[in-house]
Amino acid sequence: MAKTNPVLKQTILEVVNNQLKSLDPPETKQTYDRLVADGISDQEARRLIGCVVSSEIFDVLKQQQPFDHDRFVKALNKLPKLPWE
């Protein structure tokens, strides 16, 4: 199993927390609410959303293209299935 970079993990979770707080994009909060309603813990819901955030950041950097809102929302809608599964 790969080691987790604690600074990167905290930064990604901060992005998730900011999205939830600002409701931008609103789909992040909608996804969080859906996951929690399905019985997923607060911490796990945030971690899953963080996986989507990190996957989108990876795609943006790899493809050197701007953030793709539609791709991001599609990945959120698939949770708890992760983007790379």
N, C-alpha and C. Protein backbone atom coordinates (compact mmCIF):
# COMPACT_ATOMS: atom_id res chain seq x y z
N MET A 1 0.84 -1.18 0.00
CA MET A 1 0.00 0.00 0.00
C MET A 1 0.89 1.25 0.00
N ALA A 2 0.54 2.21 -0.81
CA ALA A 2 1.31 3.44 -0.91
C ALA A 2 1.12 4.29 0.34
N LYS A 3 2.19 4.96 0.72
CA LYS A 3 2.11 5.86 1.87
C LYS A 3 1.35 7.12 1.48
N THR A 4 0.63 7.67 2.42
CA THR A 4 -0.11 8.91 2.20
C THR A 4 0.75 10.08 2.65
N ASN A 5 0.79 11.11 1.83
CA ASN A 5 1.49 12.33 2.19
C ASN A 5 0.54 13.13 3.09
N PRO A 6 0.86 13.28 4.38
CA PRO A 6 -0.07 13.94 5.30
C PRO A 6 -0.35 15.40 4.95
N VAL A 7 0.62 16.11 4.40
CA VAL A 7 0.40 17.51 4.03
C VAL A 7 -0.55 17.59 2.84
N LEU A 8 -0.33 16.74 1.86
CA LEU A 8 -1.21 16.71 0.69
C LEU A 8 -2.62 16.29 1.10
N LYS A 9 -2.72 15.29 1.95
CA LYS A 9 -4.03 14.84 2.42
C LYS A 9 -4.77 15.98 3.11
N GLN A 10 -4.10 16.69 3.99
CA GLN A 10 -4.72 17.80 4.70
C GLN A 10 -5.14 18.91 3.74
N THR A 11 -4.32 19.17 2.73
CA THR A 11 -4.63 20.20 1.74
C THR A 11 -5.87 19.82 0.94
N ILE A 12 -5.95 18.57 0.51
CA ILE A 12 -7.13 18.11 -0.25
C ILE A 12 -8.38 18.20 0.62
N LEU A 13 -8.28 17.78 1.88
CA LEU A 13 -9.44 17.87 2.77
C LEU A 13 -9.84 19.33 3.02
N GLU A 14 -8.87 20.23 3.02
CA GLU A 14 -9.18 21.66 3.15
C GLU A 14 -9.95 22.15 1.93
N VAL A 15 -9.60 21.68 0.75
CA VAL A 15 -10.34 22.02 -0.46
C VAL A 15 -11.78 21.52 -0.33
N VAL A 16 -11.94 20.28 0.11
CA VAL A 16 -13.29 19.72 0.30
C VAL A 16 -14.08 20.55 1.30
N ASN A 17 -13.47 20.87 2.43
CA ASN A 17 -14.14 21.68 3.45
C ASN A 17 -14.54 23.05 2.91
N ASN A 18 -13.67 23.66 2.12
CA ASN A 18 -13.98 24.96 1.53
C ASN A 18 -15.14 24.86 0.54
N GLN A 19 -15.15 23.79 -0.25
CA GLN A 19 -16.25 23.60 -1.19
C GLN A 19 -17.57 23.39 -0.45
N LEU A 20 -17.54 22.63 0.62
CA LEU A 20 -18.76 22.40 1.40
C LEU A 20 -19.25 23.69 2.05
N LYS A 21 -18.33 24.47 2.56
CA LYS A 21 -18.67 25.72 3.25
C LYS A 21 -19.21 26.77 2.28
N SER A 22 -18.57 26.90 1.12
CA SER A 22 -18.96 27.94 0.17
C SER A 22 -20.07 27.50 -0.79
N LEU A 23 -20.38 26.20 -0.76
CA LEU A 23 -21.35 25.62 -1.70
C LEU A 23 -20.93 25.85 -3.15
N ASP A 24 -19.63 25.81 -3.38
CA ASP A 24 -19.09 26.02 -4.72
C ASP A 24 -18.04 24.97 -5.01
N PRO A 25 -18.34 24.03 -5.86
CA PRO A 25 -19.59 23.86 -6.58
C PRO A 25 -20.66 23.24 -5.69
N PRO A 26 -21.93 23.52 -5.96
CA PRO A 26 -23.00 23.00 -5.12
C PRO A 26 -23.09 21.47 -5.14
N GLU A 27 -22.60 20.85 -6.17
CA GLU A 27 -22.66 19.39 -6.28
C GLU A 27 -21.82 18.70 -5.21
N THR A 28 -20.81 19.38 -4.69
CA THR A 28 -20.02 18.79 -3.61
C THR A 28 -20.89 18.59 -2.38
N LYS A 29 -21.64 19.60 -2.00
CA LYS A 29 -22.53 19.49 -0.82
C LYS A 29 -23.65 18.49 -1.09
N GLN A 30 -24.19 18.48 -2.29
CA GLN A 30 -25.24 17.52 -2.63
C GLN A 30 -24.70 16.09 -2.51
N THR A 31 -23.49 15.88 -2.96
CA THR A 31 -22.87 14.56 -2.86
C THR A 31 -22.61 14.19 -1.41
N TYR A 32 -22.08 15.13 -0.65
CA TYR A 32 -21.84 14.89 0.77
C TYR A 32 -23.14 14.49 1.47
N ASP A 33 -24.20 15.24 1.24
CA ASP A 33 -25.49 14.94 1.87
C ASP A 33 -26.00 13.57 1.47
N ARG A 34 -25.84 13.20 0.20
CA ARG A 34 -26.28 11.89 -0.28
C ARG A 34 -25.50 10.77 0.38
N LEU A 35 -24.20 10.93 0.46
CA LEU A 35 -23.36 9.90 1.07
C LEU A 35 -23.70 9.70 2.54
N VAL A 36 -23.84 10.80 3.27
CA VAL A 36 -24.17 10.71 4.69
C VAL A 36 -25.56 10.09 4.88
N ALA A 37 -26.52 10.46 4.03
CA ALA A 37 -27.86 9.88 4.10
C ALA A 37 -27.83 8.37 3.83
N ASP A 38 -26.85 7.94 3.04
CA ASP A 38 -26.69 6.51 2.74
C ASP A 38 -25.94 5.76 3.84
N GLY A 39 -25.60 6.46 4.93
CA GLY A 39 -24.97 5.80 6.07
C GLY A 39 -23.46 5.90 6.11
N ILE A 40 -22.87 6.67 5.22
CA ILE A 40 -21.43 6.85 5.22
C ILE A 40 -21.08 7.94 6.22
N SER A 41 -20.05 7.71 7.00
CA SER A 41 -19.66 8.67 8.05
C SER A 41 -19.21 9.99 7.43
N ASP A 42 -19.25 11.03 8.25
CA ASP A 42 -18.79 12.35 7.84
C ASP A 42 -17.36 12.28 7.32
N GLN A 43 -16.48 11.65 8.08
CA GLN A 43 -15.06 11.57 7.72
C GLN A 43 -14.88 10.81 6.40
N GLU A 44 -15.59 9.70 6.23
CA GLU A 44 -15.45 8.91 5.02
C GLU A 44 -16.04 9.64 3.81
N ALA A 45 -17.16 10.34 4.00
CA ALA A 45 -17.75 11.11 2.90
C ALA A 45 -16.77 12.19 2.42
N ARG A 46 -16.14 12.86 3.36
CA ARG A 46 -15.15 13.88 3.00
C ARG A 46 -13.94 13.26 2.31
N ARG A 47 -13.52 12.09 2.77
CA ARG A 47 -12.39 11.41 2.15
C ARG A 47 -12.73 11.01 0.71
N LEU A 48 -13.93 10.47 0.51
CA LEU A 48 -14.34 10.08 -0.84
C LEU A 48 -14.39 11.27 -1.79
N ILE A 49 -14.96 12.36 -1.32
CA ILE A 49 -15.00 13.58 -2.14
C ILE A 49 -13.57 14.06 -2.41
N GLY A 50 -12.71 13.94 -1.42
CA GLY A 50 -11.31 14.30 -1.60
C GLY A 50 -10.63 13.46 -2.67
N CYS A 51 -11.03 12.21 -2.79
CA CYS A 51 -10.49 11.36 -3.85
C CYS A 51 -10.87 11.91 -5.22
N VAL A 52 -12.10 12.41 -5.34
CA VAL A 52 -12.53 13.01 -6.61
C VAL A 52 -11.76 14.30 -6.87
N VAL A 53 -11.59 15.11 -5.84
CA VAL A 53 -10.82 16.36 -5.99
C VAL A 53 -9.40 16.03 -6.45
N SER A 54 -8.75 15.08 -5.80
CA SER A 54 -7.37 14.76 -6.16
C SER A 54 -7.29 14.15 -7.57
N SER A 55 -8.27 13.36 -7.95
CA SER A 55 -8.30 12.80 -9.29
C SER A 55 -8.45 13.90 -10.34
N GLU A 56 -9.30 14.88 -10.05
CA GLU A 56 -9.48 16.00 -10.98
C GLU A 56 -8.21 16.83 -11.08
N ILE A 57 -7.55 17.08 -9.96
CA ILE A 57 -6.29 17.83 -9.99
C ILE A 57 -5.26 17.07 -10.83
N PHE A 58 -5.19 15.76 -10.65
CA PHE A 58 -4.27 14.94 -11.43
C PHE A 58 -4.56 15.06 -12.92
N ASP A 59 -5.84 14.96 -13.29
CA ASP A 59 -6.22 15.06 -14.69
C ASP A 59 -5.88 16.44 -15.28
N VAL A 60 -6.13 17.49 -14.51
CA VAL A 60 -5.83 18.84 -14.97
C VAL A 60 -4.32 18.98 -15.23
N LEU A 61 -3.52 18.49 -14.31
CA LEU A 61 -2.07 18.61 -14.46
C LEU A 61 -1.55 17.72 -15.59
N LYS A 62 -2.06 16.51 -15.67
CA LYS A 62 -1.60 15.56 -16.68
C LYS A 62 -1.95 16.04 -18.09
N GLN A 63 -3.17 16.51 -18.26
CA GLN A 63 -3.65 16.91 -19.59
C GLN A 63 -3.38 18.38 -19.90
N GLN A 64 -2.90 19.12 -18.90
CA GLN A 64 -2.63 20.55 -19.04
C GLN A 64 -3.83 21.28 -19.64
N GLN A 65 -5.00 20.96 -19.08
CA GLN A 65 -6.24 21.59 -19.50
C GLN A 65 -6.94 22.15 -18.27
N PRO A 66 -7.90 23.06 -18.46
CA PRO A 66 -8.59 23.64 -17.31
C PRO A 66 -9.49 22.62 -16.60
N PHE A 67 -9.87 22.98 -15.41
CA PHE A 67 -10.81 22.20 -14.61
C PHE A 67 -12.04 21.88 -15.45
N ASP A 68 -12.47 20.62 -15.41
CA ASP A 68 -13.63 20.17 -16.18
C ASP A 68 -14.78 19.90 -15.20
N HIS A 69 -15.67 20.88 -15.08
CA HIS A 69 -16.78 20.79 -14.13
C HIS A 69 -17.63 19.55 -14.39
N ASP A 70 -17.94 19.27 -15.64
CA ASP A 70 -18.79 18.11 -15.96
C ASP A 70 -18.13 16.80 -15.54
N ARG A 71 -16.84 16.67 -15.81
CA ARG A 71 -16.11 15.45 -15.41
C ARG A 71 -16.11 15.32 -13.89
N PHE A 72 -15.91 16.44 -13.20
CA PHE A 72 -15.90 16.46 -11.73
C PHE A 72 -17.24 16.00 -11.18
N VAL A 73 -18.33 16.54 -11.71
CA VAL A 73 -19.67 16.20 -11.23
C VAL A 73 -19.99 14.73 -11.54
N LYS A 74 -19.60 14.25 -12.70
CA LYS A 74 -19.84 12.84 -13.03
C LYS A 74 -19.13 11.93 -12.03
N ALA A 75 -17.91 12.29 -11.65
CA ALA A 75 -17.17 11.50 -10.67
C ALA A 75 -17.83 11.56 -9.30
N LEU A 76 -18.32 12.75 -8.91
CA LEU A 76 -19.03 12.87 -7.63
C LEU A 76 -20.27 11.99 -7.63
N ASN A 77 -20.99 11.98 -8.74
CA ASN A 77 -22.24 11.21 -8.83
C ASN A 77 -22.01 9.71 -8.74
N LYS A 78 -20.81 9.26 -9.04
CA LYS A 78 -20.49 7.82 -8.98
C LYS A 78 -20.08 7.37 -7.59
N LEU A 79 -19.77 8.31 -6.70
CA LEU A 79 -19.36 7.93 -5.35
C LEU A 79 -20.46 7.13 -4.66
N PRO A 80 -20.15 6.12 -3.88
CA PRO A 80 -18.84 5.82 -3.31
C PRO A 80 -17.87 5.05 -4.22
N LYS A 81 -18.25 4.79 -5.47
CA LYS A 81 -17.29 4.20 -6.41
C LYS A 81 -16.28 5.28 -6.79
N LEU A 82 -15.01 4.94 -6.63
CA LEU A 82 -13.95 5.92 -6.87
C LEU A 82 -13.69 6.11 -8.36
N PRO A 83 -13.17 7.28 -8.75
CA PRO A 83 -12.98 7.61 -10.17
C PRO A 83 -12.13 6.60 -10.93
N TRP A 84 -11.18 5.98 -10.28
CA TRP A 84 -10.27 5.08 -10.97
C TRP A 84 -10.74 3.62 -10.92
N GLU A 85 -11.89 3.38 -10.31
CA GLU A 85 -12.41 2.00 -10.26
C GLU A 85 -13.25 1.70 -11.48
